[in-house]
Amino acid sequence: MLSLDLLVGFTIFLLALIMVVSMVPGLLAGLGSSGIDYDAVAYRTGVILVEDPGWWAEDREWRENQEGAESGQLWELENKNKIKRVGLAVSRDAPNILLSTKVEKFFNDSFFHQTNGLDDDYRRFVIFGDIPYSYNISLNISHPGGGYEIKQVGDPLPPGYGYIRRVVKIKEPAVAVINSDFTEQYTIPDPSGPEWNSTARNFTVRLDFNRLLDQSINPAYRIDPRIEPVNVTITNFGDYLNSSCEYATLRSVTFWRGASNIPFPSDEDDMGYYTLCIDGNSSISLPDPDIQVSSNISFVLKPAATSRFPLDQNSILDIRFNFEDDYPRTNITGIHYYDYNTTNVTRSDLKTGVLEVAIW
């Protein structure tokens, strides 16, 4: 009986020992495993890009001048030393709606650079982590009239990788086109009146921030000069010229808040603040271009400049084009409102795109 009990007990002990030994590797696998869920990293990266507008360490004094402005989101306006996080969304309130200016900056290889280590710009600002992940980020943009455009950064795809795909919309900036339809509206009506006696002609484009930043308007369709360019184009300028005159002289382009002139940001010659194209000539400097105009004017005020003006949600910013000759060569005048009136400003339909993020 003793030997039988010993045999049974020893058998049970061996079975229990075998079970314990077989379970131990599984219990310790999480401690010694180096496996990485690349799909999770790709998903996190995709969320940052399409649902977050990004962030940078803004200057305190400048922020205090921007009452109510989401200043920290304007990473695309700053140098890389200030950027904390890169995102492409228009706003946190508009996920999956990308801002075209952010998209252009993100895929600009002269601004962001790829390297082999953790100091790679894309790893630092959007992928994060202590592991030097390899990546491929692409955006396929469909154009309304047909065709598509592909923007891409990263390395060629290997046989296996983590992956996420997001369908997005891309918002383009609005454009104010002053054409022949406005000739009667923006021309001095009575040449014999007091306006005729002056040699100066002022044409103003007005941005009423109280109207533009209306919170009831979806951020995907809101006109916000603080984060997107202000585009003003005057076509068929010949229709505004006096008879027998072939040109008028654009003396200055200035900025006004009420009756106060707003000094243009420092480095006036920096084309990162604006572009001014007269009759096809794009190498023109502000604030005093002093150049002859015969057919068209195209002016783009970029957020890099607008965001630095002392503006808040109750401000009105006037862009004033001053024409002056010894004898008035043009009778253009008036105020053109840069607003949601479809006659005054054209807003493009949102473009459809597919963002793909691959991590390995």
Protein backbone atom coordinates (compact mmCIF):
# COMPACT_ATOMS: atom_id res chain seq x y z
CA MET A 1 0.00 0.00 0.00
CA LEU A 2 2.84 2.38 0.81
CA SER A 3 4.56 1.92 -2.52
CA LEU A 4 1.28 2.41 -4.40
CA ASP A 5 0.53 5.65 -2.53
CA LEU A 6 4.06 6.85 -3.25
CA LEU A 7 3.69 6.06 -6.93
CA VAL A 8 0.35 7.88 -7.21
CA GLY A 9 1.66 10.91 -5.31
CA PHE A 10 4.85 11.06 -7.34
CA THR A 11 2.83 10.85 -10.58
CA ILE A 12 0.59 13.74 -9.52
CA PHE A 13 3.68 15.75 -8.56
CA LEU A 14 5.28 15.17 -11.96
CA LEU A 15 2.10 16.17 -13.77
CA ALA A 16 1.82 19.36 -11.74
CA LEU A 17 5.52 20.14 -12.33
CA ILE A 18 5.13 19.67 -16.08
CA MET A 19 2.12 21.98 -16.15
CA VAL A 20 3.94 24.68 -14.16
CA VAL A 21 7.04 24.47 -16.35
CA SER A 22 4.93 24.75 -19.50
CA MET A 23 3.11 27.84 -18.17
CA VAL A 24 6.18 29.80 -16.98
CA PRO A 25 7.42 30.88 -20.47
CA GLY A 26 3.98 32.31 -21.23
CA LEU A 27 3.94 34.26 -17.99
CA LEU A 28 7.35 35.77 -18.71
CA ALA A 29 6.80 36.41 -22.43
CA GLY A 30 5.54 39.95 -21.86
CA LEU A 31 8.67 40.80 -19.88
CA GLY A 32 11.18 39.67 -22.45
CA SER A 33 9.30 40.26 -25.72
CA SER A 34 10.47 42.92 -28.17
CA GLY A 35 7.47 42.69 -30.46
CA ILE A 36 5.87 45.98 -31.60
CA ASP A 37 2.30 46.53 -32.74
CA TYR A 38 3.07 48.58 -35.86
CA ASP A 39 -0.64 48.88 -36.68
CA ALA A 40 -1.17 50.71 -33.38
CA VAL A 41 1.68 53.14 -34.14
CA ALA A 42 0.30 53.75 -37.64
CA TYR A 43 -3.18 54.34 -36.21
CA ARG A 44 -1.87 56.82 -33.63
CA THR A 45 0.09 58.68 -36.32
CA GLY A 46 -2.96 58.85 -38.58
CA VAL A 47 -5.10 60.26 -35.77
CA ILE A 48 -2.54 62.98 -35.03
CA LEU A 49 -2.37 64.00 -38.68
CA VAL A 50 -6.09 64.14 -39.52
CA GLU A 51 -7.71 65.07 -36.19
CA ASP A 52 -5.20 67.51 -34.69
CA PRO A 53 -4.15 70.96 -36.01
CA GLY A 54 -0.70 70.67 -34.39
CA TRP A 55 1.02 72.86 -31.84
CA TRP A 56 4.04 75.08 -31.37
CA ALA A 57 5.49 76.94 -28.39
CA GLU A 58 4.15 80.43 -29.04
CA ASP A 59 5.70 83.63 -27.82
CA ARG A 60 3.84 85.00 -24.78
CA GLU A 61 3.82 88.66 -25.83
CA TRP A 62 2.51 87.80 -29.28
CA ARG A 63 -0.14 85.49 -27.81
CA GLU A 64 -1.45 88.31 -25.60
CA ASN A 65 -2.02 90.39 -28.75
CA GLN A 66 -4.06 87.59 -30.30
CA GLU A 67 -7.22 87.71 -28.22
CA GLY A 68 -9.09 84.49 -28.83
CA ALA A 69 -6.79 83.26 -31.59
CA GLU A 70 -5.77 79.61 -31.63
CA SER A 71 -2.18 80.75 -31.97
CA GLY A 72 -0.48 77.55 -30.95
CA GLN A 73 -1.98 75.67 -33.87
CA LEU A 74 -0.09 77.69 -36.45
CA TRP A 75 2.98 75.45 -36.53
CA GLU A 76 3.28 75.90 -40.30
CA LEU A 77 4.20 79.56 -39.80
CA GLU A 78 7.18 78.94 -37.52
CA ASN A 79 10.70 77.56 -37.71
CA LYS A 80 11.21 73.97 -36.66
CA ASN A 81 12.82 74.85 -33.33
CA LYS A 82 9.43 75.95 -31.99
CA ILE A 83 7.29 73.09 -33.29
CA LYS A 84 5.97 70.64 -30.71
CA ARG A 85 3.52 68.60 -32.75
CA VAL A 86 2.46 68.54 -36.40
CA GLY A 87 -1.17 68.07 -37.40
CA LEU A 88 -2.98 68.80 -40.66
CA ALA A 89 -6.54 69.44 -39.44
CA VAL A 90 -8.22 72.83 -39.83
CA SER A 91 -9.35 72.66 -36.21
CA ARG A 92 -9.99 70.17 -33.45
CA ASP A 93 -13.65 70.80 -34.12
CA ALA A 94 -13.29 69.63 -37.74
CA PRO A 95 -11.55 66.21 -37.73
CA ASN A 96 -10.67 64.76 -41.14
CA ILE A 97 -10.81 68.26 -42.70
CA LEU A 98 -7.25 69.20 -43.68
CA LEU A 99 -5.98 72.72 -44.36
CA SER A 100 -4.16 72.99 -47.68
CA THR A 101 -1.44 75.28 -46.27
CA LYS A 102 -0.59 72.70 -43.61
CA VAL A 103 -0.54 69.93 -46.22
CA GLU A 104 1.85 71.89 -48.44
CA LYS A 105 4.19 72.60 -45.54
CA PHE A 106 4.13 68.99 -44.28
CA PHE A 107 5.16 67.52 -47.63
CA ASN A 108 7.71 70.29 -48.31
CA ASP A 109 11.12 68.56 -48.34
CA SER A 110 12.90 71.92 -48.08
CA PHE A 111 11.28 72.50 -44.66
CA PHE A 112 11.12 69.00 -43.14
CA HIS A 113 14.02 66.60 -43.63
CA GLN A 114 14.43 62.84 -43.34
CA THR A 115 17.42 61.36 -41.51
CA ASN A 116 18.36 57.93 -40.25
CA GLY A 117 17.84 58.56 -36.54
CA LEU A 118 15.38 59.94 -34.01
CA ASP A 119 16.22 63.49 -35.10
CA ASP A 120 14.25 62.88 -38.31
CA ASP A 121 11.68 65.69 -38.47
CA TYR A 122 8.71 63.42 -39.11
CA ARG A 123 9.69 61.05 -36.27
CA ARG A 124 10.11 64.03 -33.92
CA PHE A 125 6.89 65.87 -34.69
CA VAL A 126 4.28 63.29 -35.65
CA ILE A 127 5.40 59.68 -34.97
CA PHE A 128 7.20 60.16 -31.63
CA GLY A 129 8.62 57.39 -29.43
CA ASP A 130 12.12 56.15 -28.57
CA ILE A 131 12.26 53.72 -31.49
CA PRO A 132 13.50 54.97 -34.91
CA TYR A 133 10.48 53.69 -36.84
CA SER A 134 10.61 53.63 -40.60
CA TYR A 135 7.57 55.14 -42.29
CA ASN A 136 5.79 56.02 -45.49
CA ILE A 137 3.10 58.72 -45.41
CA SER A 138 1.15 59.56 -48.57
CA LEU A 139 -1.84 61.70 -49.49
CA ASN A 140 -3.80 61.05 -52.68
CA ILE A 141 -5.82 64.18 -53.60
CA SER A 142 -8.65 63.99 -56.15
CA HIS A 143 -9.27 67.13 -58.19
CA PRO A 144 -12.92 68.14 -58.87
CA GLY A 145 -12.33 68.40 -62.62
CA GLY A 146 -10.73 64.97 -62.78
CA GLY A 147 -7.27 63.59 -62.16
CA TYR A 148 -5.41 63.31 -58.90
CA GLU A 149 -2.22 64.35 -57.14
CA ILE A 150 -0.04 62.24 -54.84
CA LYS A 151 2.13 63.71 -52.09
CA GLN A 152 4.48 61.35 -50.29
CA VAL A 153 7.32 61.19 -47.77
CA GLY A 154 9.25 58.26 -46.34
CA ASP A 155 10.92 55.07 -47.47
CA PRO A 156 9.76 52.41 -49.96
CA LEU A 157 7.35 49.92 -48.43
CA PRO A 158 8.83 46.59 -47.22
CA PRO A 159 6.98 43.21 -47.39
CA GLY A 160 5.38 43.68 -43.94
CA TYR A 161 4.33 46.83 -42.04
CA GLY A 162 1.65 48.42 -39.87
CA TYR A 163 -0.92 50.36 -41.84
CA ILE A 164 -3.85 52.79 -41.56
CA ARG A 165 -5.93 54.57 -44.20
CA ARG A 166 -8.11 57.65 -43.60
CA VAL A 167 -10.51 59.34 -46.01
CA VAL A 168 -10.19 63.13 -45.67
CA LYS A 169 -11.34 66.43 -47.17
CA ILE A 170 -8.94 69.28 -48.03
CA LYS A 171 -9.93 72.92 -47.57
CA GLU A 172 -8.57 75.50 -50.01
CA PRO A 173 -8.43 79.24 -49.19
CA ALA A 174 -11.12 81.62 -50.44
CA VAL A 175 -10.49 84.11 -53.27
CA ALA A 176 -11.95 87.58 -53.90
CA VAL A 177 -12.07 88.30 -57.62
CA ILE A 178 -12.90 91.90 -58.57
CA ASN A 179 -13.75 91.74 -62.28
CA SER A 180 -15.74 93.70 -64.86
CA ASP A 181 -18.97 92.98 -62.98
CA PHE A 182 -17.89 95.48 -60.31
CA THR A 183 -16.81 98.29 -62.67
CA GLU A 184 -19.89 100.44 -62.09
CA GLN A 185 -19.95 99.72 -58.34
CA TYR A 186 -16.30 100.61 -57.76
CA THR A 187 -15.91 103.63 -60.04
CA ILE A 188 -16.30 107.28 -58.96
CA PRO A 189 -19.83 108.08 -60.17
CA ASP A 190 -19.47 111.81 -60.77
CA PRO A 191 -16.18 112.96 -62.34
CA SER A 192 -17.10 116.54 -61.52
CA GLY A 193 -17.48 115.79 -57.81
CA PRO A 194 -14.94 116.43 -55.04
CA GLU A 195 -13.32 113.00 -55.55
CA TRP A 196 -12.27 114.06 -59.05
CA ASN A 197 -10.22 116.96 -57.69
CA SER A 198 -7.93 114.58 -55.81
CA THR A 199 -5.10 112.84 -57.63
CA ALA A 200 -5.37 109.83 -55.26
CA ARG A 201 -7.68 106.87 -55.71
CA ASN A 202 -8.14 104.38 -52.87
CA PHE A 203 -9.66 100.93 -53.24
CA THR A 204 -10.17 98.95 -50.03
CA VAL A 205 -10.68 95.27 -49.30
CA ARG A 206 -12.24 94.93 -45.85
CA LEU A 207 -11.95 91.95 -43.49
CA ASP A 208 -14.52 92.10 -40.70
CA PHE A 209 -13.31 89.49 -38.20
CA ASN A 210 -16.54 89.59 -36.22
CA ARG A 211 -18.33 88.44 -39.34
CA LEU A 212 -15.65 86.05 -40.60
CA LEU A 213 -15.06 84.24 -37.30
CA ASP A 214 -18.74 83.55 -36.68
CA GLN A 215 -18.72 80.43 -34.49
CA SER A 216 -21.99 79.23 -35.99
CA ILE A 217 -20.14 78.54 -39.25
CA ASN A 218 -18.54 75.12 -39.54
CA PRO A 219 -14.71 75.41 -39.33
CA ALA A 220 -14.52 73.45 -42.57
CA TYR A 221 -16.15 76.40 -44.36
CA ARG A 222 -15.08 79.31 -42.15
CA ILE A 223 -12.89 82.06 -43.62
CA ASP A 224 -10.12 82.61 -41.08
CA PRO A 225 -7.37 85.01 -42.26
CA ARG A 226 -5.27 84.05 -39.24
CA ILE A 227 -4.63 80.54 -40.57
CA GLU A 228 -5.18 80.77 -44.32
CA PRO A 229 -4.15 83.23 -47.06
CA VAL A 230 -6.26 86.22 -48.07
CA ASN A 231 -6.43 86.22 -51.90
CA VAL A 232 -7.44 89.37 -53.77
CA THR A 233 -7.39 89.54 -57.57
CA ILE A 234 -8.39 92.56 -59.65
CA THR A 235 -8.89 91.50 -63.26
CA ASN A 236 -9.69 93.62 -66.31
CA PHE A 237 -8.12 96.64 -64.64
CA GLY A 238 -8.33 98.43 -67.96
CA ASP A 239 -12.09 98.79 -67.35
CA TYR A 240 -11.26 101.04 -64.39
CA LEU A 241 -8.86 103.28 -66.33
CA ASN A 242 -9.90 106.68 -67.62
CA SER A 243 -10.36 106.94 -71.35
CA SER A 244 -7.13 107.12 -73.37
CA CYS A 245 -5.08 106.06 -70.29
CA GLU A 246 -3.04 102.90 -70.68
CA TYR A 247 -2.07 102.49 -67.02
CA ALA A 248 -2.39 103.83 -63.48
CA THR A 249 0.32 103.87 -60.80
CA LEU A 250 -0.10 101.71 -57.70
CA ARG A 251 1.73 103.84 -55.14
CA SER A 252 1.19 101.81 -52.00
CA VAL A 253 -0.53 98.85 -50.35
CA THR A 254 -1.20 99.59 -46.67
CA PHE A 255 -3.11 98.04 -43.79
CA TRP A 256 -5.55 99.84 -41.51
CA ARG A 257 -7.46 99.08 -38.33
CA GLY A 258 -10.08 101.80 -38.21
CA ALA A 259 -8.26 105.10 -38.66
CA SER A 260 -4.93 103.64 -37.55
CA ASN A 261 -2.31 102.45 -39.98
CA ILE A 262 -0.86 99.06 -38.98
CA PRO A 263 2.88 98.80 -39.64
CA PHE A 264 3.74 95.86 -41.85
CA PRO A 265 5.67 93.07 -40.04
CA SER A 266 9.44 93.32 -39.97
CA ASP A 267 11.40 92.06 -42.97
CA GLU A 268 8.97 93.71 -45.39
CA ASP A 269 10.78 92.19 -48.35
CA ASP A 270 10.17 88.67 -47.09
CA MET A 271 7.86 86.99 -49.62
CA GLY A 272 6.81 84.58 -46.86
CA TYR A 273 4.45 87.33 -45.71
CA TYR A 274 2.81 88.12 -49.05
CA THR A 275 2.95 87.97 -52.83
CA LEU A 276 2.06 90.87 -55.09
CA CYS A 277 1.84 90.27 -58.81
CA ILE A 278 1.22 93.15 -61.24
CA ASP A 279 0.57 92.32 -64.90
CA GLY A 280 2.50 89.08 -64.50
CA ASN A 281 5.42 90.63 -62.57
CA SER A 282 5.65 88.88 -59.19
CA SER A 283 8.89 90.39 -57.82
CA ILE A 284 7.24 93.43 -56.21
CA SER A 285 7.87 94.67 -52.66
CA LEU A 286 5.58 96.32 -50.12
CA PRO A 287 4.52 98.74 -48.79
CA ASP A 288 5.37 101.13 -51.66
CA PRO A 289 5.45 99.20 -54.95
CA ASP A 290 5.15 102.42 -57.03
CA ILE A 291 4.48 100.45 -60.20
CA GLN A 292 2.29 100.92 -63.28
CA VAL A 293 -0.81 98.71 -63.64
CA SER A 294 -2.57 98.13 -66.92
CA SER A 295 -4.39 94.78 -66.77
CA ASN A 296 -4.46 92.95 -63.41
CA ILE A 297 -3.39 92.82 -59.77
CA SER A 298 -3.03 89.67 -57.69
CA PHE A 299 -2.32 90.07 -53.99
CA VAL A 300 -1.99 87.31 -51.39
CA LEU A 301 -1.63 88.23 -47.72
CA LYS A 302 -0.31 85.14 -45.96
CA PRO A 303 -1.10 84.06 -42.39
CA ALA A 304 2.53 84.69 -41.43
CA ALA A 305 1.69 88.40 -41.71
CA THR A 306 -1.98 88.43 -40.69
CA SER A 307 -1.37 86.44 -37.51
CA ARG A 308 1.10 89.09 -36.34
CA PHE A 309 -1.21 92.06 -36.72
CA PRO A 310 -2.79 93.18 -33.41
CA LEU A 311 -6.21 91.74 -34.26
CA ASP A 312 -9.00 90.10 -32.30
CA GLN A 313 -12.44 88.75 -33.14
CA ASN A 314 -13.94 92.25 -33.12
CA SER A 315 -11.34 93.81 -35.41
CA ILE A 316 -11.75 95.17 -38.91
CA LEU A 317 -8.67 95.00 -41.15
CA ASP A 318 -8.57 97.11 -44.30
CA ILE A 319 -6.18 96.38 -47.16
CA ARG A 320 -5.88 99.68 -49.00
CA PHE A 321 -4.64 99.95 -52.58
CA ASN A 322 -3.61 103.52 -53.34
CA PHE A 323 -3.38 104.69 -56.96
CA GLU A 324 -1.98 108.14 -57.65
CA ASP A 325 -0.80 110.04 -60.71
CA ASP A 326 -0.33 113.75 -61.45
CA TYR A 327 -3.46 113.41 -63.55
CA PRO A 328 -5.91 110.73 -62.31
CA ARG A 329 -5.59 107.77 -64.64
CA THR A 330 -8.14 105.60 -62.83
CA ASN A 331 -11.41 106.23 -60.99
CA ILE A 332 -11.42 102.98 -58.98
CA THR A 333 -12.76 103.46 -55.46
CA GLY A 334 -14.97 101.83 -52.85
CA ILE A 335 -14.88 99.02 -50.28
CA HIS A 336 -15.01 95.35 -51.25
CA TYR A 337 -16.04 93.11 -48.34
CA TYR A 338 -14.07 89.89 -47.97
CA ASP A 339 -16.89 87.82 -46.50
CA TYR A 340 -19.32 84.96 -47.06
CA ASN A 341 -21.25 86.70 -49.82
CA THR A 342 -20.65 84.44 -52.82
CA THR A 343 -20.56 87.50 -55.08
CA ASN A 344 -17.69 89.00 -53.07
CA VAL A 345 -15.64 85.87 -52.34
CA THR A 346 -15.41 82.49 -54.03
CA ARG A 347 -14.94 79.45 -51.83
CA SER A 348 -13.82 76.22 -53.47
CA ASP A 349 -15.50 72.90 -52.77
CA LEU A 350 -13.61 70.63 -50.40
CA LYS A 351 -11.32 68.23 -52.21
CA THR A 352 -11.42 64.53 -51.40
CA GLY A 353 -8.25 62.75 -50.37
CA VAL A 354 -6.97 59.49 -48.91
CA LEU A 355 -4.20 59.62 -46.29
CA GLU A 356 -2.19 56.43 -45.86
CA VAL A 357 0.32 55.84 -43.05
CA ALA A 358 2.67 52.82 -43.04
CA ILE A 359 5.01 52.09 -40.09
CA TRP A 360 7.63 49.34 -39.69
